[in-house]
């Protein structure tokens, strides 16, 4: 197959250009201004982009426990359809990914899919925000990071300790930033629209105070810290 007139993006070589690509036996064999061979299928993709597989670092395949919403197989098919060849699944499954048995089960089943599926592990057991999981053991068994996604870690000292452990392992820690003490009704941002609807909503302060705290903890610990789904 000869793919013509695609806009090629290659971060590794710092390339951005319109070019042609020849595919032979499922492998890219040539890139450049190419003329078709005899009996070669030609695909003109003018206006479309050619790029390495995209990576989504925050997905929910809902497996195990909520597979009526999604599972590893349907999630991987959806990802591939959108051009994503690598994904990182969050740990808020049922049960929570807080031990190696659950982690190993997910990663073993993920091998059957045609994209790269990575799995985070929980920061605290059962997302309860009190007892930390075994970071070292989970990382040794394939966890790619740690998160209590969907649940804020309100205990600052515990969050600091978790960051220290993550930093020691050179692994990222990903945080849901929302102080529930400021929120009476979640689901909508506090502002003119929420006031018009008579709903208090969630004020930006609820997010900002947690982000400020955890940025300070990240600076103190040197942890690779991800602030999740920021909105303010």
C-alpha atoms as a PDB file:
ATOM      1  CA  UNK A   1       0.000   0.000   0.000  1.00  0.00           C
ATOM      2  CA  UNK A   2       1.107   3.554  -0.731  1.00  0.00           C
ATOM      3  CA  UNK A   3      -0.274   6.213   1.588  1.00  0.00           C
ATOM      4  CA  UNK A   4      -0.144   9.584  -0.159  1.00  0.00           C
ATOM      5  CA  UNK A   5      -0.118  13.205   1.063  1.00  0.00           C
ATOM      6  CA  UNK A   6      -0.337  12.611   4.810  1.00  0.00           C
ATOM      7  CA  UNK A   7       0.797  15.215   7.331  1.00  0.00           C
ATOM      8  CA  UNK A   8       3.525  13.327   9.194  1.00  0.00           C
ATOM      9  CA  UNK A   9       4.328  14.176  12.802  1.00  0.00           C
ATOM     10  CA  UNK A  10       7.293  12.382  14.385  1.00  0.00           C
ATOM     11  CA  UNK A  11       8.439  13.772  17.759  1.00  0.00           C
ATOM     12  CA  UNK A  12      11.534  11.556  17.794  1.00  0.00           C
ATOM     13  CA  UNK A  13      12.964  13.198  14.661  1.00  0.00           C
ATOM     14  CA  UNK A  14      11.228  16.566  15.163  1.00  0.00           C
ATOM     15  CA  UNK A  15       9.481  16.083  11.814  1.00  0.00           C
ATOM     16  CA  UNK A  16       6.349  17.875  10.596  1.00  0.00           C
ATOM     17  CA  UNK A  17       5.764  17.584   6.863  1.00  0.00           C
ATOM     18  CA  UNK A  18       3.439  16.358   4.134  1.00  0.00           C
ATOM     19  CA  UNK A  19       4.823  13.100   2.775  1.00  0.00           C
ATOM     20  CA  UNK A  20       4.084   9.617   1.438  1.00  0.00           C
ATOM     21  CA  UNK A  21       4.487   6.293   3.228  1.00  0.00           C
ATOM     22  CA  UNK A  22       4.873   2.860   1.704  1.00  0.00           C
ATOM     23  CA  UNK A  23       3.679  -0.148   3.723  1.00  0.00           C
ATOM     24  CA  UNK A  24       4.913  -3.634   2.820  1.00  0.00           C
ATOM     25  CA  UNK A  25       3.700  -6.723   4.705  1.00  0.00           C
ATOM     26  CA  UNK A  26       2.229  -4.528   7.422  1.00  0.00           C
ATOM     27  CA  UNK A  27       5.512  -2.655   8.026  1.00  0.00           C
ATOM     28  CA  UNK A  28       6.482   0.885   6.995  1.00  0.00           C
ATOM     29  CA  UNK A  29       9.234   0.404   4.394  1.00  0.00           C
ATOM     30  CA  UNK A  30       9.701   3.896   2.918  1.00  0.00           C
ATOM     31  CA  UNK A  31       8.894   7.515   3.760  1.00  0.00           C
ATOM     32  CA  UNK A  32       9.284  10.363   1.259  1.00  0.00           C
ATOM     33  CA  UNK A  33       8.041  11.518  -2.144  1.00  0.00           C
ATOM     34  CA  UNK A  34       7.121   8.133  -3.593  1.00  0.00           C
ATOM     35  CA  UNK A  35       5.686   6.917  -6.889  1.00  0.00           C
ATOM     36  CA  UNK A  36       3.298   3.958  -6.909  1.00  0.00           C
ATOM     37  CA  UNK A  37       4.521   0.513  -7.884  1.00  0.00           C
ATOM     38  CA  UNK A  38       2.603  -1.681 -10.301  1.00  0.00           C
ATOM     39  CA  UNK A  39      -0.633  -3.030  -8.773  1.00  0.00           C
ATOM     40  CA  UNK A  40       0.011  -1.144  -5.528  1.00  0.00           C
ATOM     41  CA  UNK A  41      -3.024   0.044  -3.585  1.00  0.00           C
ATOM     42  CA  UNK A  42      -3.024   3.821  -3.195  1.00  0.00           C
ATOM     43  CA  UNK A  43      -4.665   5.616  -0.285  1.00  0.00           C
ATOM     44  CA  UNK A  44      -4.834   9.417  -0.542  1.00  0.00           C
ATOM     45  CA  UNK A  45      -5.142  10.887   2.953  1.00  0.00           C
ATOM     46  CA  UNK A  46      -4.873  14.582   2.100  1.00  0.00           C
ATOM     47  CA  UNK A  47      -5.872  16.602   5.171  1.00  0.00           C
ATOM     48  CA  UNK A  48      -5.238  13.757   7.618  1.00  0.00           C
ATOM     49  CA  UNK A  49      -2.383  13.311  10.094  1.00  0.00           C
ATOM     50  CA  UNK A  50       0.061  10.425  10.418  1.00  0.00           C
ATOM     51  CA  UNK A  51       1.570  10.097  13.888  1.00  0.00           C
ATOM     52  CA  UNK A  52       2.908   7.520  16.323  1.00  0.00           C
ATOM     53  CA  UNK A  53       0.273   5.825  18.454  1.00  0.00           C
ATOM     54  CA  UNK A  54      -1.274   8.249  20.943  1.00  0.00           C
ATOM     55  CA  UNK A  55      -1.015   7.669  24.696  1.00  0.00           C
ATOM     56  CA  UNK A  56      -3.874   8.329  27.125  1.00  0.00           C
ATOM     57  CA  UNK A  57      -2.543   8.552  30.681  1.00  0.00           C
ATOM     58  CA  UNK A  58      -5.954   8.561  32.401  1.00  0.00           C
ATOM     59  CA  UNK A  59      -8.591   6.048  31.339  1.00  0.00           C
ATOM     60  CA  UNK A  60     -11.324   4.027  33.031  1.00  0.00           C
ATOM     61  CA  UNK A  61     -11.832   0.549  31.614  1.00  0.00           C
ATOM     62  CA  UNK A  62     -14.000  -0.267  34.697  1.00  0.00           C
ATOM     63  CA  UNK A  63     -12.548  -3.745  34.964  1.00  0.00           C
ATOM     64  CA  UNK A  64     -13.021  -5.436  37.398  1.00  0.00           C
ATOM     65  CA  UNK A  65     -16.328  -4.611  39.039  1.00  0.00           C
ATOM     66  CA  UNK A  66     -18.069  -2.236  36.625  1.00  0.00           C
ATOM     67  CA  UNK A  67     -17.814  -4.126  33.363  1.00  0.00           C
ATOM     68  CA  UNK A  68     -21.415  -3.261  32.448  1.00  0.00           C
ATOM     69  CA  UNK A  69     -19.882   0.164  31.663  1.00  0.00           C
ATOM     70  CA  UNK A  70     -16.634  -0.970  30.021  1.00  0.00           C
ATOM     71  CA  UNK A  71     -14.056  -3.745  30.202  1.00  0.00           C
ATOM     72  CA  UNK A  72     -10.495  -4.340  29.065  1.00  0.00           C
ATOM     73  CA  UNK A  73     -11.575  -5.600  25.654  1.00  0.00           C
ATOM     74  CA  UNK A  74     -14.178  -2.968  24.771  1.00  0.00           C
ATOM     75  CA  UNK A  75     -11.960  -0.243  26.193  1.00  0.00           C
ATOM     76  CA  UNK A  76      -8.979  -1.357  24.157  1.00  0.00           C
ATOM     77  CA  UNK A  77     -11.084  -1.461  20.976  1.00  0.00           C
ATOM     78  CA  UNK A  78     -12.348   2.077  21.618  1.00  0.00           C
ATOM     79  CA  UNK A  79      -8.813   3.284  22.273  1.00  0.00           C
ATOM     80  CA  UNK A  80      -7.441   1.712  19.098  1.00  0.00           C
ATOM     81  CA  UNK A  81     -10.306   3.169  17.051  1.00  0.00           C
ATOM     82  CA  UNK A  82      -9.248   6.624  18.212  1.00  0.00           C
ATOM     83  CA  UNK A  83      -5.554   6.076  17.481  1.00  0.00           C
ATOM     84  CA  UNK A  84      -4.492   5.382  21.062  1.00  0.00           C
ATOM     85  CA  UNK A  85      -2.062   2.467  21.275  1.00  0.00           C
ATOM     86  CA  UNK A  86      -1.130   2.882  24.961  1.00  0.00           C
ATOM     87  CA  UNK A  87      -3.402   3.653  27.916  1.00  0.00           C
ATOM     88  CA  UNK A  88      -3.017   3.941  31.672  1.00  0.00           C
ATOM     89  CA  UNK A  89      -5.989   2.654  33.687  1.00  0.00           C
ATOM     90  CA  UNK A  90      -6.999   4.212  36.978  1.00  0.00           C
ATOM     91  CA  UNK A  91      -7.245   2.153  40.153  1.00  0.00           C
ATOM     92  CA  UNK A  92     -10.864   2.905  41.146  1.00  0.00           C
ATOM     93  CA  UNK A  93     -12.218  -0.482  40.183  1.00  0.00           C
ATOM     94  CA  UNK A  94     -14.195  -2.850  42.398  1.00  0.00           C
ATOM     95  CA  UNK A  95     -12.268  -4.168  44.201  1.00  0.00           C
ATOM     96  CA  UNK A  96      -9.759  -1.325  44.207  1.00  0.00           C
ATOM     97  CA  UNK A  97      -6.335  -2.145  42.764  1.00  0.00           C
ATOM     98  CA  UNK A  98      -4.622  -2.079  46.147  1.00  0.00           C
ATOM     99  CA  UNK A  99      -2.861  -5.477  46.122  1.00  0.00           C
ATOM    100  CA  UNK A 100      -0.814  -7.588  43.737  1.00  0.00           C
ATOM    101  CA  UNK A 101      -3.503 -10.225  43.195  1.00  0.00           C
ATOM    102  CA  UNK A 102      -5.872  -7.730  41.566  1.00  0.00           C
ATOM    103  CA  UNK A 103      -3.023  -5.990  39.738  1.00  0.00           C
ATOM    104  CA  UNK A 104      -1.635  -9.241  38.325  1.00  0.00           C
ATOM    105  CA  UNK A 105      -5.091 -10.370  37.196  1.00  0.00           C
ATOM    106  CA  UNK A 106      -5.642  -7.168  35.208  1.00  0.00           C
ATOM    107  CA  UNK A 107      -2.182  -7.151  33.647  1.00  0.00           C
ATOM    108  CA  UNK A 108      -2.403 -10.830  32.705  1.00  0.00           C
ATOM    109  CA  UNK A 109      -5.755 -10.369  30.968  1.00  0.00           C
ATOM    110  CA  UNK A 110      -4.480  -7.202  29.292  1.00  0.00           C
ATOM    111  CA  UNK A 111      -1.895  -9.269  27.395  1.00  0.00           C
ATOM    112  CA  UNK A 112      -4.675 -10.616  25.176  1.00  0.00           C
ATOM    113  CA  UNK A 113      -5.508  -7.140  23.837  1.00  0.00           C
ATOM    114  CA  UNK A 114      -3.880  -5.427  20.866  1.00  0.00           C
ATOM    115  CA  UNK A 115      -2.859  -2.189  22.589  1.00  0.00           C
ATOM    116  CA  UNK A 116      -0.525  -1.542  25.520  1.00  0.00           C
ATOM    117  CA  UNK A 117      -2.556  -1.455  28.758  1.00  0.00           C
ATOM    118  CA  UNK A 118      -0.809  -0.147  31.866  1.00  0.00           C
ATOM    119  CA  UNK A 119      -2.326  -0.147  35.346  1.00  0.00           C
ATOM    120  CA  UNK A 120      -1.990   2.212  38.292  1.00  0.00           C
ATOM    121  CA  UNK A 121      -2.308   1.048  41.893  1.00  0.00           C
ATOM    122  CA  UNK A 122      -4.044   2.717  44.807  1.00  0.00           C
ATOM    123  CA  UNK A 123      -2.228   5.031  47.209  1.00  0.00           C
ATOM    124  CA  UNK A 124      -4.311   3.857  50.173  1.00  0.00           C
ATOM    125  CA  UNK A 125      -6.001   0.531  50.880  1.00  0.00           C
ATOM    126  CA  UNK A 126      -9.590   0.568  49.694  1.00  0.00           C
ATOM    127  CA  UNK A 127      -9.254   4.281  48.890  1.00  0.00           C
ATOM    128  CA  UNK A 128      -9.939   4.891  52.581  1.00  0.00           C
ATOM    129  CA  UNK A 129      -7.212   7.511  52.941  1.00  0.00           C
ATOM    130  CA  UNK A 130      -5.693   5.938  56.052  1.00  0.00           C
ATOM    131  CA  UNK A 131      -3.404   2.950  55.402  1.00  0.00           C
ATOM    132  CA  UNK A 132      -0.943   3.104  52.519  1.00  0.00           C
ATOM    133  CA  UNK A 133      -0.553   0.250  50.057  1.00  0.00           C
ATOM    134  CA  UNK A 134       2.741  -1.556  49.522  1.00  0.00           C
ATOM    135  CA  UNK A 135       4.232   0.737  46.884  1.00  0.00           C
ATOM    136  CA  UNK A 136       7.395  -1.301  46.405  1.00  0.00           C
ATOM    137  CA  UNK A 137       5.633  -4.625  45.958  1.00  0.00           C
ATOM    138  CA  UNK A 138       3.041  -3.140  43.598  1.00  0.00           C
ATOM    139  CA  UNK A 139       5.721  -1.473  41.478  1.00  0.00           C
ATOM    140  CA  UNK A 140       7.682  -4.727  41.294  1.00  0.00           C
ATOM    141  CA  UNK A 141       4.548  -6.427  39.979  1.00  0.00           C
ATOM    142  CA  UNK A 142       3.971  -3.939  37.181  1.00  0.00           C
ATOM    143  CA  UNK A 143       2.088  -0.929  38.578  1.00  0.00           C
ATOM    144  CA  UNK A 144       3.064   2.183  36.615  1.00  0.00           C
ATOM    145  CA  UNK A 145       2.046   4.748  39.239  1.00  0.00           C
ATOM    146  CA  UNK A 146      -0.164   5.404  42.243  1.00  0.00           C
ATOM    147  CA  UNK A 147      -3.513   7.145  42.589  1.00  0.00           C
ATOM    148  CA  UNK A 148      -6.692   7.244  44.667  1.00  0.00           C
ATOM    149  CA  UNK A 149      -8.409   8.710  41.600  1.00  0.00           C
ATOM    150  CA  UNK A 150     -11.820  10.148  42.396  1.00  0.00           C
ATOM    151  CA  UNK A 151     -11.035  10.454  46.105  1.00  0.00           C
ATOM    152  CA  UNK A 152      -8.955  13.316  47.548  1.00  0.00           C
ATOM    153  CA  UNK A 153      -6.248  12.396  50.073  1.00  0.00           C
ATOM    154  CA  UNK A 154      -7.184  14.759  52.881  1.00  0.00           C
ATOM    155  CA  UNK A 155      -4.434  13.723  55.315  1.00  0.00           C
ATOM    156  CA  UNK A 156      -1.534  15.978  54.280  1.00  0.00           C
ATOM    157  CA  UNK A 157       1.050  14.028  56.281  1.00  0.00           C
ATOM    158  CA  UNK A 158      -0.036  10.766  54.672  1.00  0.00           C
ATOM    159  CA  UNK A 159       0.050  12.380  51.219  1.00  0.00           C
ATOM    160  CA  UNK A 160       3.568  13.634  51.934  1.00  0.00           C
ATOM    161  CA  UNK A 161       4.684  10.161  52.986  1.00  0.00           C
ATOM    162  CA  UNK A 162       3.118   8.669  49.854  1.00  0.00           C
ATOM    163  CA  UNK A 163       4.990  11.189  47.717  1.00  0.00           C
ATOM    164  CA  UNK A 164       8.238  10.285  49.466  1.00  0.00           C
ATOM    165  CA  UNK A 165       7.697   6.591  48.698  1.00  0.00           C
ATOM    166  CA  UNK A 166       6.774   7.328  45.096  1.00  0.00           C
ATOM    167  CA  UNK A 167       9.844   9.542  44.686  1.00  0.00           C
ATOM    168  CA  UNK A 168      12.082   6.815  46.104  1.00  0.00           C
ATOM    169  CA  UNK A 169      10.746   4.443  43.429  1.00  0.00           C
ATOM    170  CA  UNK A 170      10.931   7.188  40.759  1.00  0.00           C
ATOM    171  CA  UNK A 171       7.234   6.659  39.988  1.00  0.00           C
ATOM    172  CA  UNK A 172       4.442   9.202  39.527  1.00  0.00           C
ATOM    173  CA  UNK A 173       1.678   9.861  42.017  1.00  0.00           C
ATOM    174  CA  UNK A 174      -1.594  11.177  40.590  1.00  0.00           C
ATOM    175  CA  UNK A 175      -3.982  13.191  42.760  1.00  0.00           C
ATOM    176  CA  UNK A 176      -7.688  14.064  42.748  1.00  0.00           C
ATOM    177  CA  UNK A 177      -7.796  17.633  44.085  1.00  0.00           C
ATOM    178  CA  UNK A 178     -11.031  18.564  45.812  1.00  0.00           C
ATOM    179  CA  UNK A 179     -11.639  19.563  49.427  1.00  0.00           C
ATOM    180  CA  UNK A 180     -15.194  18.335  50.191  1.00  0.00           C
ATOM    181  CA  UNK A 181     -15.457  20.792  53.081  1.00  0.00           C
ATOM    182  CA  UNK A 182     -16.038  23.599  50.573  1.00  0.00           C
ATOM    183  CA  UNK A 183     -18.627  21.707  48.540  1.00  0.00           C
ATOM    184  CA  UNK A 184     -22.322  21.492  49.379  1.00  0.00           C
ATOM    185  CA  UNK A 185     -23.535  20.340  45.947  1.00  0.00           C
ATOM    186  CA  UNK A 186     -21.084  18.757  43.515  1.00  0.00           C
ATOM    187  CA  UNK A 187     -21.511  18.227  39.798  1.00  0.00           C
ATOM    188  CA  UNK A 188     -21.408  21.841  38.623  1.00  0.00           C
ATOM    189  CA  UNK A 189     -18.890  24.661  39.066  1.00  0.00           C
ATOM    190  CA  UNK A 190     -19.959  27.443  41.402  1.00  0.00           C
ATOM    191  CA  UNK A 191     -20.594  30.645  39.459  1.00  0.00           C
ATOM    192  CA  UNK A 192     -23.191  32.675  37.578  1.00  0.00           C
ATOM    193  CA  UNK A 193     -24.719  29.635  35.900  1.00  0.00           C
ATOM    194  CA  UNK A 194     -25.062  27.663  39.135  1.00  0.00           C
ATOM    195  CA  UNK A 195     -26.490  30.717  40.930  1.00  0.00           C
ATOM    196  CA  UNK A 196     -29.033  31.193  38.138  1.00  0.00           C
ATOM    197  CA  UNK A 197     -30.079  27.561  38.567  1.00  0.00           C
ATOM    198  CA  UNK A 198     -30.238  27.906  42.344  1.00  0.00           C
ATOM    199  CA  UNK A 199     -27.435  25.380  42.836  1.00  0.00           C
ATOM    200  CA  UNK A 200     -24.463  26.187  45.060  1.00  0.00           C
ATOM    201  CA  UNK A 201     -22.099  24.029  43.011  1.00  0.00           C
ATOM    202  CA  UNK A 202     -18.425  23.374  43.611  1.00  0.00           C
ATOM    203  CA  UNK A 203     -16.278  26.512  44.148  1.00  0.00           C
ATOM    204  CA  UNK A 204     -12.842  26.728  42.552  1.00  0.00           C
ATOM    205  CA  UNK A 205     -11.388  27.227  46.041  1.00  0.00           C
ATOM    206  CA  UNK A 206     -12.115  23.565  46.833  1.00  0.00           C
ATOM    207  CA  UNK A 207      -9.690  22.578  44.089  1.00  0.00           C
ATOM    208  CA  UNK A 208      -7.166  25.370  44.499  1.00  0.00           C
ATOM    209  CA  UNK A 209      -6.375  24.810  48.171  1.00  0.00           C
ATOM    210  CA  UNK A 210      -5.598  21.142  47.498  1.00  0.00           C
ATOM    211  CA  UNK A 211      -3.488  21.945  44.441  1.00  0.00           C
ATOM    212  CA  UNK A 212      -1.523  24.537  46.430  1.00  0.00           C
ATOM    213  CA  UNK A 213      -0.919  22.067  49.250  1.00  0.00           C
ATOM    214  CA  UNK A 214       0.194  19.269  46.979  1.00  0.00           C
ATOM    215  CA  UNK A 215       2.447  21.492  44.885  1.00  0.00           C
ATOM    216  CA  UNK A 216       4.239  22.380  48.115  1.00  0.00           C
ATOM    217  CA  UNK A 217       4.472  18.704  49.051  1.00  0.00           C
ATOM    218  CA  UNK A 218       5.776  17.862  45.588  1.00  0.00           C
ATOM    219  CA  UNK A 219       8.491  20.502  45.887  1.00  0.00           C
ATOM    220  CA  UNK A 220       9.383  19.190  49.342  1.00  0.00           C
ATOM    221  CA  UNK A 221       9.529  15.512  48.351  1.00  0.00           C
ATOM    222  CA  UNK A 222      10.675  15.740  44.731  1.00  0.00           C
ATOM    223  CA  UNK A 223       7.845  13.416  43.698  1.00  0.00           C
ATOM    224  CA  UNK A 224       6.655  13.300  40.097  1.00  0.00           C
ATOM    225  CA  UNK A 225       3.164  14.610  40.805  1.00  0.00           C
ATOM    226  CA  UNK A 226       0.184  14.631  38.461  1.00  0.00           C
ATOM    227  CA  UNK A 227      -2.715  16.996  39.155  1.00  0.00           C
ATOM    228  CA  UNK A 228      -5.742  15.194  37.706  1.00  0.00           C
ATOM    229  CA  UNK A 229      -8.561  16.655  35.592  1.00  0.00           C
ATOM    230  CA  UNK A 230      -7.896  20.266  36.596  1.00  0.00           C
ATOM    231  CA  UNK A 231     -10.820  22.673  36.076  1.00  0.00           C
ATOM    232  CA  UNK A 232      -9.847  26.009  37.666  1.00  0.00           C
END
